[in-house]
């Protein structure tokens, strides 16, 4: 077991408001005690300790009223919650206005993922993308790995790679995507075994038709390394930009 997988992860807040019915998957959650999150785990990279007790998260893109009213693309913001609807991270995009208006979802950007203590847990960098697509994921100055879209395939495929470029996971999506509705992107290990799922959920008729704010459920093994859990969060954002942002 690696140092990313061990440590005392503390307790979880149970009084915070959250999603009332997070029912993407039927897989049971690990036991959660009462109390508050431990703010720091020295056996885990700073900010990532919140992922240790989790096998499921939800990534909910915020609806931007200005964008709905004007059609002008705003910087994306997301909230990441655990299976009980408790917020654990917020995501904020940093990109240029010209790129958002002129090239839309192909724009370059940086995304910072902040924990509930206000620390930057992850930094995601993406260059301009027209054919291939790639994201590099950092914790501080440390490269955790990357997600790269595999081109010239019949269905959407993404390679999840470690910091040395070695593929660790492969994500394969459905052949046909129309933007609305629910879609599943199974996560496979190198031996072909399905070990998780990224699912784009139905978020309601008005939200599906009039906004590009989507909701995703991400399911993975409880004992998956913290680095790979973090990379799957970034992979979900790459899927959102590649297929549902417009």
C-alpha atoms as a PDB file:
ATOM      1  CA  UNK A   1       0.000   0.000   0.000  1.00  0.00           C
ATOM      2  CA  UNK A   2       1.380   3.406  -0.921  1.00  0.00           C
ATOM      3  CA  UNK A   3       1.592   6.444   1.291  1.00  0.00           C
ATOM      4  CA  UNK A   4      -1.228   7.988  -0.736  1.00  0.00           C
ATOM      5  CA  UNK A   5      -3.560   5.237   0.486  1.00  0.00           C
ATOM      6  CA  UNK A   6      -2.863   5.316   4.200  1.00  0.00           C
ATOM      7  CA  UNK A   7      -3.253   7.729   7.045  1.00  0.00           C
ATOM      8  CA  UNK A   8      -5.828   8.853   9.536  1.00  0.00           C
ATOM      9  CA  UNK A   9      -8.440  10.584   7.521  1.00  0.00           C
ATOM     10  CA  UNK A  10     -10.426  11.893  10.433  1.00  0.00           C
ATOM     11  CA  UNK A  11     -14.154  12.413  10.569  1.00  0.00           C
ATOM     12  CA  UNK A  12     -16.799  13.849   8.336  1.00  0.00           C
ATOM     13  CA  UNK A  13     -19.187  16.724   8.974  1.00  0.00           C
ATOM     14  CA  UNK A  14     -22.755  15.444   9.003  1.00  0.00           C
ATOM     15  CA  UNK A  15     -24.670  18.685   9.554  1.00  0.00           C
ATOM     16  CA  UNK A  16     -23.870  20.441   6.269  1.00  0.00           C
ATOM     17  CA  UNK A  17     -26.710  20.832   3.744  1.00  0.00           C
ATOM     18  CA  UNK A  18     -26.234  18.983   0.477  1.00  0.00           C
ATOM     19  CA  UNK A  19     -27.763  16.951  -2.295  1.00  0.00           C
ATOM     20  CA  UNK A  20     -30.991  15.294  -1.137  1.00  0.00           C
ATOM     21  CA  UNK A  21     -30.904  12.264  -3.385  1.00  0.00           C
ATOM     22  CA  UNK A  22     -27.454  11.321  -4.672  1.00  0.00           C
ATOM     23  CA  UNK A  23     -28.556   8.009  -6.177  1.00  0.00           C
ATOM     24  CA  UNK A  24     -26.314   7.427  -9.171  1.00  0.00           C
ATOM     25  CA  UNK A  25     -24.978   4.162  -7.836  1.00  0.00           C
ATOM     26  CA  UNK A  26     -26.158   1.503  -5.429  1.00  0.00           C
ATOM     27  CA  UNK A  27     -22.697   0.673  -4.113  1.00  0.00           C
ATOM     28  CA  UNK A  28     -22.519   1.128  -0.348  1.00  0.00           C
ATOM     29  CA  UNK A  29     -20.411   3.894   1.150  1.00  0.00           C
ATOM     30  CA  UNK A  30     -17.651   3.382   3.723  1.00  0.00           C
ATOM     31  CA  UNK A  31     -18.633   4.075   7.352  1.00  0.00           C
ATOM     32  CA  UNK A  32     -18.540   7.753   8.237  1.00  0.00           C
ATOM     33  CA  UNK A  33     -18.211   8.967  11.800  1.00  0.00           C
ATOM     34  CA  UNK A  34     -19.636  12.128  13.316  1.00  0.00           C
ATOM     35  CA  UNK A  35     -17.541  15.227  13.896  1.00  0.00           C
ATOM     36  CA  UNK A  36     -15.362  17.264  11.554  1.00  0.00           C
ATOM     37  CA  UNK A  37     -12.777  16.629   8.869  1.00  0.00           C
ATOM     38  CA  UNK A  38      -9.194  16.346  10.009  1.00  0.00           C
ATOM     39  CA  UNK A  39      -7.618  19.388   8.309  1.00  0.00           C
ATOM     40  CA  UNK A  40      -4.293  17.741   7.478  1.00  0.00           C
ATOM     41  CA  UNK A  41      -2.938  14.235   6.971  1.00  0.00           C
ATOM     42  CA  UNK A  42       0.841  14.093   6.913  1.00  0.00           C
ATOM     43  CA  UNK A  43       0.837  10.746   5.058  1.00  0.00           C
ATOM     44  CA  UNK A  44      -1.033  12.209   2.083  1.00  0.00           C
ATOM     45  CA  UNK A  45      -0.315  15.083  -0.248  1.00  0.00           C
ATOM     46  CA  UNK A  46      -1.822  18.332   1.133  1.00  0.00           C
ATOM     47  CA  UNK A  47      -5.481  18.781   0.283  1.00  0.00           C
ATOM     48  CA  UNK A  48      -6.021  15.251  -1.053  1.00  0.00           C
ATOM     49  CA  UNK A  49      -6.716  13.548   2.291  1.00  0.00           C
ATOM     50  CA  UNK A  50     -10.448  14.136   1.813  1.00  0.00           C
ATOM     51  CA  UNK A  51     -10.436  11.533  -0.968  1.00  0.00           C
ATOM     52  CA  UNK A  52      -9.126   8.719   1.252  1.00  0.00           C
ATOM     53  CA  UNK A  53     -12.482   7.521   2.712  1.00  0.00           C
ATOM     54  CA  UNK A  54     -14.453   7.975  -0.519  1.00  0.00           C
ATOM     55  CA  UNK A  55     -15.533   5.636  -3.305  1.00  0.00           C
ATOM     56  CA  UNK A  56     -17.978   8.085  -4.856  1.00  0.00           C
ATOM     57  CA  UNK A  57     -18.163  11.834  -5.542  1.00  0.00           C
ATOM     58  CA  UNK A  58     -20.476  14.177  -7.428  1.00  0.00           C
ATOM     59  CA  UNK A  59     -19.242  17.056  -9.570  1.00  0.00           C
ATOM     60  CA  UNK A  60     -21.926  19.711 -10.028  1.00  0.00           C
ATOM     61  CA  UNK A  61     -21.319  22.619 -12.395  1.00  0.00           C
ATOM     62  CA  UNK A  62     -22.806  25.866 -11.165  1.00  0.00           C
ATOM     63  CA  UNK A  63     -25.388  27.643 -13.295  1.00  0.00           C
ATOM     64  CA  UNK A  64     -24.226  31.160 -14.216  1.00  0.00           C
ATOM     65  CA  UNK A  65     -27.221  33.573 -14.480  1.00  0.00           C
ATOM     66  CA  UNK A  66     -25.274  36.010 -16.678  1.00  0.00           C
ATOM     67  CA  UNK A  67     -24.415  33.223 -19.105  1.00  0.00           C
ATOM     68  CA  UNK A  68     -28.036  32.040 -19.240  1.00  0.00           C
ATOM     69  CA  UNK A  69     -29.310  35.586 -19.856  1.00  0.00           C
ATOM     70  CA  UNK A  70     -26.752  36.668 -22.463  1.00  0.00           C
ATOM     71  CA  UNK A  71     -25.338  33.485 -23.978  1.00  0.00           C
ATOM     72  CA  UNK A  72     -21.823  34.774 -23.253  1.00  0.00           C
ATOM     73  CA  UNK A  73     -19.575  32.008 -21.920  1.00  0.00           C
ATOM     74  CA  UNK A  74     -18.409  32.530 -18.337  1.00  0.00           C
ATOM     75  CA  UNK A  75     -15.610  30.786 -16.488  1.00  0.00           C
ATOM     76  CA  UNK A  76     -16.799  27.434 -15.204  1.00  0.00           C
ATOM     77  CA  UNK A  77     -17.249  26.731 -11.520  1.00  0.00           C
ATOM     78  CA  UNK A  78     -18.049  23.400  -9.909  1.00  0.00           C
ATOM     79  CA  UNK A  79     -18.738  21.951  -6.482  1.00  0.00           C
ATOM     80  CA  UNK A  80     -17.506  18.467  -5.552  1.00  0.00           C
ATOM     81  CA  UNK A  81     -19.533  16.646  -2.899  1.00  0.00           C
ATOM     82  CA  UNK A  82     -19.264  13.232  -1.305  1.00  0.00           C
ATOM     83  CA  UNK A  83     -21.972  10.568  -1.481  1.00  0.00           C
ATOM     84  CA  UNK A  84     -23.884  12.275   1.341  1.00  0.00           C
ATOM     85  CA  UNK A  85     -23.999  15.630  -0.431  1.00  0.00           C
ATOM     86  CA  UNK A  86     -21.372  17.243   1.795  1.00  0.00           C
ATOM     87  CA  UNK A  87     -19.087  19.737  -0.024  1.00  0.00           C
ATOM     88  CA  UNK A  88     -15.422  18.763  -0.085  1.00  0.00           C
ATOM     89  CA  UNK A  89     -13.976  20.843  -2.949  1.00  0.00           C
ATOM     90  CA  UNK A  90     -14.782  23.785  -5.192  1.00  0.00           C
ATOM     91  CA  UNK A  91     -13.360  24.198  -8.704  1.00  0.00           C
ATOM     92  CA  UNK A  92     -12.673  27.526 -10.402  1.00  0.00           C
ATOM     93  CA  UNK A  93     -11.607  28.048 -13.993  1.00  0.00           C
ATOM     94  CA  UNK A  94      -9.084  30.691 -15.007  1.00  0.00           C
ATOM     95  CA  UNK A  95      -9.233  31.507 -18.724  1.00  0.00           C
ATOM     96  CA  UNK A  96      -9.308  34.458 -21.088  1.00  0.00           C
ATOM     97  CA  UNK A  97     -12.579  36.058 -22.151  1.00  0.00           C
ATOM     98  CA  UNK A  98     -11.500  36.059 -25.805  1.00  0.00           C
ATOM     99  CA  UNK A  99     -10.848  32.326 -25.757  1.00  0.00           C
ATOM    100  CA  UNK A 100     -14.218  31.582 -24.159  1.00  0.00           C
ATOM    101  CA  UNK A 101     -16.058  33.649 -26.763  1.00  0.00           C
ATOM    102  CA  UNK A 102     -14.095  32.711 -29.895  1.00  0.00           C
ATOM    103  CA  UNK A 103     -13.216  29.041 -29.467  1.00  0.00           C
ATOM    104  CA  UNK A 104     -15.580  27.949 -26.702  1.00  0.00           C
ATOM    105  CA  UNK A 105     -14.850  24.523 -25.252  1.00  0.00           C
ATOM    106  CA  UNK A 106     -11.545  24.285 -27.176  1.00  0.00           C
ATOM    107  CA  UNK A 107     -10.043  27.084 -25.077  1.00  0.00           C
ATOM    108  CA  UNK A 108      -6.981  26.762 -22.898  1.00  0.00           C
ATOM    109  CA  UNK A 109      -7.407  27.201 -19.165  1.00  0.00           C
ATOM    110  CA  UNK A 110      -6.159  26.525 -15.683  1.00  0.00           C
ATOM    111  CA  UNK A 111      -8.483  25.078 -13.070  1.00  0.00           C
ATOM    112  CA  UNK A 112      -7.810  25.218  -9.359  1.00  0.00           C
ATOM    113  CA  UNK A 113      -9.495  22.776  -6.999  1.00  0.00           C
ATOM    114  CA  UNK A 114      -9.716  24.139  -3.441  1.00  0.00           C
ATOM    115  CA  UNK A 115     -10.515  22.198  -0.298  1.00  0.00           C
ATOM    116  CA  UNK A 116     -12.730  23.427   2.531  1.00  0.00           C
ATOM    117  CA  UNK A 117      -9.699  24.988   4.232  1.00  0.00           C
ATOM    118  CA  UNK A 118      -9.079  27.172   1.167  1.00  0.00           C
ATOM    119  CA  UNK A 119      -5.943  25.261   0.119  1.00  0.00           C
ATOM    120  CA  UNK A 120      -5.313  24.567  -3.554  1.00  0.00           C
ATOM    121  CA  UNK A 121      -5.449  20.771  -3.612  1.00  0.00           C
ATOM    122  CA  UNK A 122      -5.067  20.394  -7.387  1.00  0.00           C
ATOM    123  CA  UNK A 123      -4.071  22.554 -10.336  1.00  0.00           C
ATOM    124  CA  UNK A 124      -5.192  21.424 -13.786  1.00  0.00           C
ATOM    125  CA  UNK A 125      -3.622  22.850 -16.936  1.00  0.00           C
ATOM    126  CA  UNK A 126      -5.067  22.406 -20.410  1.00  0.00           C
ATOM    127  CA  UNK A 127      -3.674  23.880 -23.659  1.00  0.00           C
ATOM    128  CA  UNK A 128      -5.817  24.909 -26.622  1.00  0.00           C
ATOM    129  CA  UNK A 129      -7.476  21.817 -28.047  1.00  0.00           C
ATOM    130  CA  UNK A 130      -8.888  21.270 -31.531  1.00  0.00           C
ATOM    131  CA  UNK A 131      -8.156  17.606 -32.361  1.00  0.00           C
ATOM    132  CA  UNK A 132      -6.334  15.975 -29.471  1.00  0.00           C
ATOM    133  CA  UNK A 133      -7.024  16.942 -25.885  1.00  0.00           C
ATOM    134  CA  UNK A 134      -4.872  16.775 -22.769  1.00  0.00           C
ATOM    135  CA  UNK A 135      -4.809  17.893 -19.159  1.00  0.00           C
ATOM    136  CA  UNK A 136      -1.859  17.881 -16.765  1.00  0.00           C
ATOM    137  CA  UNK A 137      -2.675  17.615 -13.070  1.00  0.00           C
ATOM    138  CA  UNK A 138      -0.509  19.027 -10.265  1.00  0.00           C
ATOM    139  CA  UNK A 139      -0.505  19.074  -6.494  1.00  0.00           C
ATOM    140  CA  UNK A 140       1.579  22.106  -5.680  1.00  0.00           C
ATOM    141  CA  UNK A 141       4.596  21.828  -7.990  1.00  0.00           C
ATOM    142  CA  UNK A 142       4.363  18.044  -8.170  1.00  0.00           C
ATOM    143  CA  UNK A 143       2.998  16.525 -11.374  1.00  0.00           C
ATOM    144  CA  UNK A 144       0.527  13.779 -10.446  1.00  0.00           C
ATOM    145  CA  UNK A 145      -0.196  12.686 -14.001  1.00  0.00           C
ATOM    146  CA  UNK A 146      -2.197  13.540 -17.096  1.00  0.00           C
ATOM    147  CA  UNK A 147      -5.351  12.680 -19.009  1.00  0.00           C
ATOM    148  CA  UNK A 148      -5.152  12.437 -22.776  1.00  0.00           C
ATOM    149  CA  UNK A 149      -7.911  11.903 -25.314  1.00  0.00           C
ATOM    150  CA  UNK A 150      -7.198   9.034 -27.696  1.00  0.00           C
ATOM    151  CA  UNK A 151      -7.921  10.208 -31.251  1.00  0.00           C
ATOM    152  CA  UNK A 152      -9.140   8.211 -34.240  1.00  0.00           C
ATOM    153  CA  UNK A 153     -11.343   5.848 -32.205  1.00  0.00           C
ATOM    154  CA  UNK A 154     -15.004   5.000 -32.817  1.00  0.00           C
ATOM    155  CA  UNK A 155     -16.013   5.968 -29.293  1.00  0.00           C
ATOM    156  CA  UNK A 156     -14.576   8.562 -26.902  1.00  0.00           C
ATOM    157  CA  UNK A 157     -11.507   7.149 -25.141  1.00  0.00           C
ATOM    158  CA  UNK A 158      -9.240   8.750 -22.563  1.00  0.00           C
ATOM    159  CA  UNK A 159      -5.923   7.544 -21.196  1.00  0.00           C
ATOM    160  CA  UNK A 160      -5.180   8.252 -17.524  1.00  0.00           C
ATOM    161  CA  UNK A 161      -1.397   8.319 -17.085  1.00  0.00           C
ATOM    162  CA  UNK A 162       0.957   8.718 -14.167  1.00  0.00           C
ATOM    163  CA  UNK A 163       3.690  11.337 -13.906  1.00  0.00           C
ATOM    164  CA  UNK A 164       6.039   9.242 -16.067  1.00  0.00           C
ATOM    165  CA  UNK A 165       3.509   8.864 -18.889  1.00  0.00           C
ATOM    166  CA  UNK A 166       2.598   5.236 -18.156  1.00  0.00           C
ATOM    167  CA  UNK A 167      -1.081   4.462 -18.715  1.00  0.00           C
ATOM    168  CA  UNK A 168      -2.858   3.370 -15.536  1.00  0.00           C
ATOM    169  CA  UNK A 169      -6.532   3.572 -16.523  1.00  0.00           C
ATOM    170  CA  UNK A 170      -8.568   3.789 -19.723  1.00  0.00           C
ATOM    171  CA  UNK A 171     -11.968   5.517 -19.928  1.00  0.00           C
ATOM    172  CA  UNK A 172     -14.285   4.508 -22.767  1.00  0.00           C
ATOM    173  CA  UNK A 173     -17.496   6.383 -23.551  1.00  0.00           C
ATOM    174  CA  UNK A 174     -20.569   5.673 -25.685  1.00  0.00           C
ATOM    175  CA  UNK A 175     -20.404   5.890 -29.473  1.00  0.00           C
ATOM    176  CA  UNK A 176     -23.274   8.370 -29.783  1.00  0.00           C
ATOM    177  CA  UNK A 177     -23.509  11.539 -27.691  1.00  0.00           C
ATOM    178  CA  UNK A 178     -26.095  14.271 -28.172  1.00  0.00           C
ATOM    179  CA  UNK A 179     -25.324  16.443 -25.141  1.00  0.00           C
ATOM    180  CA  UNK A 180     -28.583  15.915 -23.236  1.00  0.00           C
ATOM    181  CA  UNK A 181     -29.527  12.885 -21.198  1.00  0.00           C
ATOM    182  CA  UNK A 182     -27.457  10.419 -19.191  1.00  0.00           C
ATOM    183  CA  UNK A 183     -24.243   8.827 -20.418  1.00  0.00           C
ATOM    184  CA  UNK A 184     -21.814   6.374 -18.873  1.00  0.00           C
ATOM    185  CA  UNK A 185     -18.030   6.338 -19.249  1.00  0.00           C
ATOM    186  CA  UNK A 186     -16.694   3.091 -17.727  1.00  0.00           C
ATOM    187  CA  UNK A 187     -13.208   3.208 -16.191  1.00  0.00           C
ATOM    188  CA  UNK A 188     -10.998   0.203 -16.980  1.00  0.00           C
ATOM    189  CA  UNK A 189      -7.749  -1.066 -15.474  1.00  0.00           C
ATOM    190  CA  UNK A 190      -4.895  -2.181 -17.720  1.00  0.00           C
ATOM    191  CA  UNK A 191      -6.182  -5.758 -17.765  1.00  0.00           C
ATOM    192  CA  UNK A 192      -9.550  -4.597 -19.116  1.00  0.00           C
ATOM    193  CA  UNK A 193     -11.425  -4.963 -15.825  1.00  0.00           C
ATOM    194  CA  UNK A 194     -14.008  -2.246 -15.210  1.00  0.00           C
ATOM    195  CA  UNK A 195     -13.138  -0.675 -11.855  1.00  0.00           C
ATOM    196  CA  UNK A 196     -15.257   2.475 -11.873  1.00  0.00           C
ATOM    197  CA  UNK A 197     -17.638   4.735 -13.723  1.00  0.00           C
ATOM    198  CA  UNK A 198     -18.009   8.382 -14.703  1.00  0.00           C
ATOM    199  CA  UNK A 199     -21.684   9.101 -15.337  1.00  0.00           C
ATOM    200  CA  UNK A 200     -23.175  12.261 -16.769  1.00  0.00           C
ATOM    201  CA  UNK A 201     -26.519  12.597 -15.013  1.00  0.00           C
ATOM    202  CA  UNK A 202     -29.810  14.047 -16.177  1.00  0.00           C
ATOM    203  CA  UNK A 203     -29.981  17.456 -14.468  1.00  0.00           C
ATOM    204  CA  UNK A 204     -33.539  18.487 -15.338  1.00  0.00           C
ATOM    205  CA  UNK A 205     -35.266  19.649 -18.522  1.00  0.00           C
ATOM    206  CA  UNK A 206     -34.713  23.398 -18.192  1.00  0.00           C
ATOM    207  CA  UNK A 207     -31.105  23.021 -17.098  1.00  0.00           C
ATOM    208  CA  UNK A 208     -30.338  20.577 -19.929  1.00  0.00           C
ATOM    209  CA  UNK A 209     -31.961  22.765 -22.590  1.00  0.00           C
ATOM    210  CA  UNK A 210     -30.927  26.254 -21.539  1.00  0.00           C
ATOM    211  CA  UNK A 211     -27.571  25.859 -19.785  1.00  0.00           C
ATOM    212  CA  UNK A 212     -24.367  23.861 -20.139  1.00  0.00           C
ATOM    213  CA  UNK A 213     -24.202  23.224 -16.383  1.00  0.00           C
ATOM    214  CA  UNK A 214     -23.942  19.459 -15.947  1.00  0.00           C
ATOM    215  CA  UNK A 215     -23.839  17.017 -13.053  1.00  0.00           C
ATOM    216  CA  UNK A 216     -21.497  14.020 -12.977  1.00  0.00           C
ATOM    217  CA  UNK A 217     -21.207  11.068 -10.634  1.00  0.00           C
ATOM    218  CA  UNK A 218     -17.775   9.457 -10.284  1.00  0.00           C
ATOM    219  CA  UNK A 219     -17.439   5.981  -8.758  1.00  0.00           C
ATOM    220  CA  UNK A 220     -14.107   4.263  -8.018  1.00  0.00           C
ATOM    221  CA  UNK A 221     -12.672   1.608  -5.665  1.00  0.00           C
ATOM    222  CA  UNK A 222     -12.256   2.708  -2.081  1.00  0.00           C
ATOM    223  CA  UNK A 223      -8.629   1.528  -2.069  1.00  0.00           C
ATOM    224  CA  UNK A 224      -7.683   3.188  -5.360  1.00  0.00           C
ATOM    225  CA  UNK A 225      -4.566   5.330  -4.954  1.00  0.00           C
ATOM    226  CA  UNK A 226      -5.199   8.951  -4.067  1.00  0.00           C
ATOM    227  CA  UNK A 227      -3.346  10.092  -7.188  1.00  0.00           C
ATOM    228  CA  UNK A 228      -5.641   8.083  -9.452  1.00  0.00           C
ATOM    229  CA  UNK A 229      -8.730   9.335  -7.621  1.00  0.00           C
ATOM    230  CA  UNK A 230      -7.506  12.887  -8.219  1.00  0.00           C
ATOM    231  CA  UNK A 231      -6.816  12.136 -11.887  1.00  0.00           C
ATOM    232  CA  UNK A 232     -10.354  10.789 -12.323  1.00  0.00           C
ATOM    233  CA  UNK A 233     -11.706  14.120 -11.063  1.00  0.00           C
ATOM    234  CA  UNK A 234      -9.693  15.866 -13.775  1.00  0.00           C
ATOM    235  CA  UNK A 235     -10.808  13.308 -16.369  1.00  0.00           C
ATOM    236  CA  UNK A 236     -14.426  14.156 -15.590  1.00  0.00           C
ATOM    237  CA  UNK A 237     -13.737  17.813 -16.361  1.00  0.00           C
ATOM    238  CA  UNK A 238     -12.063  16.860 -19.639  1.00  0.00           C
ATOM    239  CA  UNK A 239     -15.125  14.802 -20.601  1.00  0.00           C
ATOM    240  CA  UNK A 240     -17.387  17.733 -19.728  1.00  0.00           C
ATOM    241  CA  UNK A 241     -15.411  20.127 -21.915  1.00  0.00           C
ATOM    242  CA  UNK A 242     -15.033  17.664 -24.749  1.00  0.00           C
ATOM    243  CA  UNK A 243     -18.656  16.575 -25.092  1.00  0.00           C
ATOM    244  CA  UNK A 244     -21.083  18.617 -22.988  1.00  0.00           C
ATOM    245  CA  UNK A 245     -19.739  22.165 -22.715  1.00  0.00           C
ATOM    246  CA  UNK A 246     -21.384  23.445 -25.902  1.00  0.00           C
END
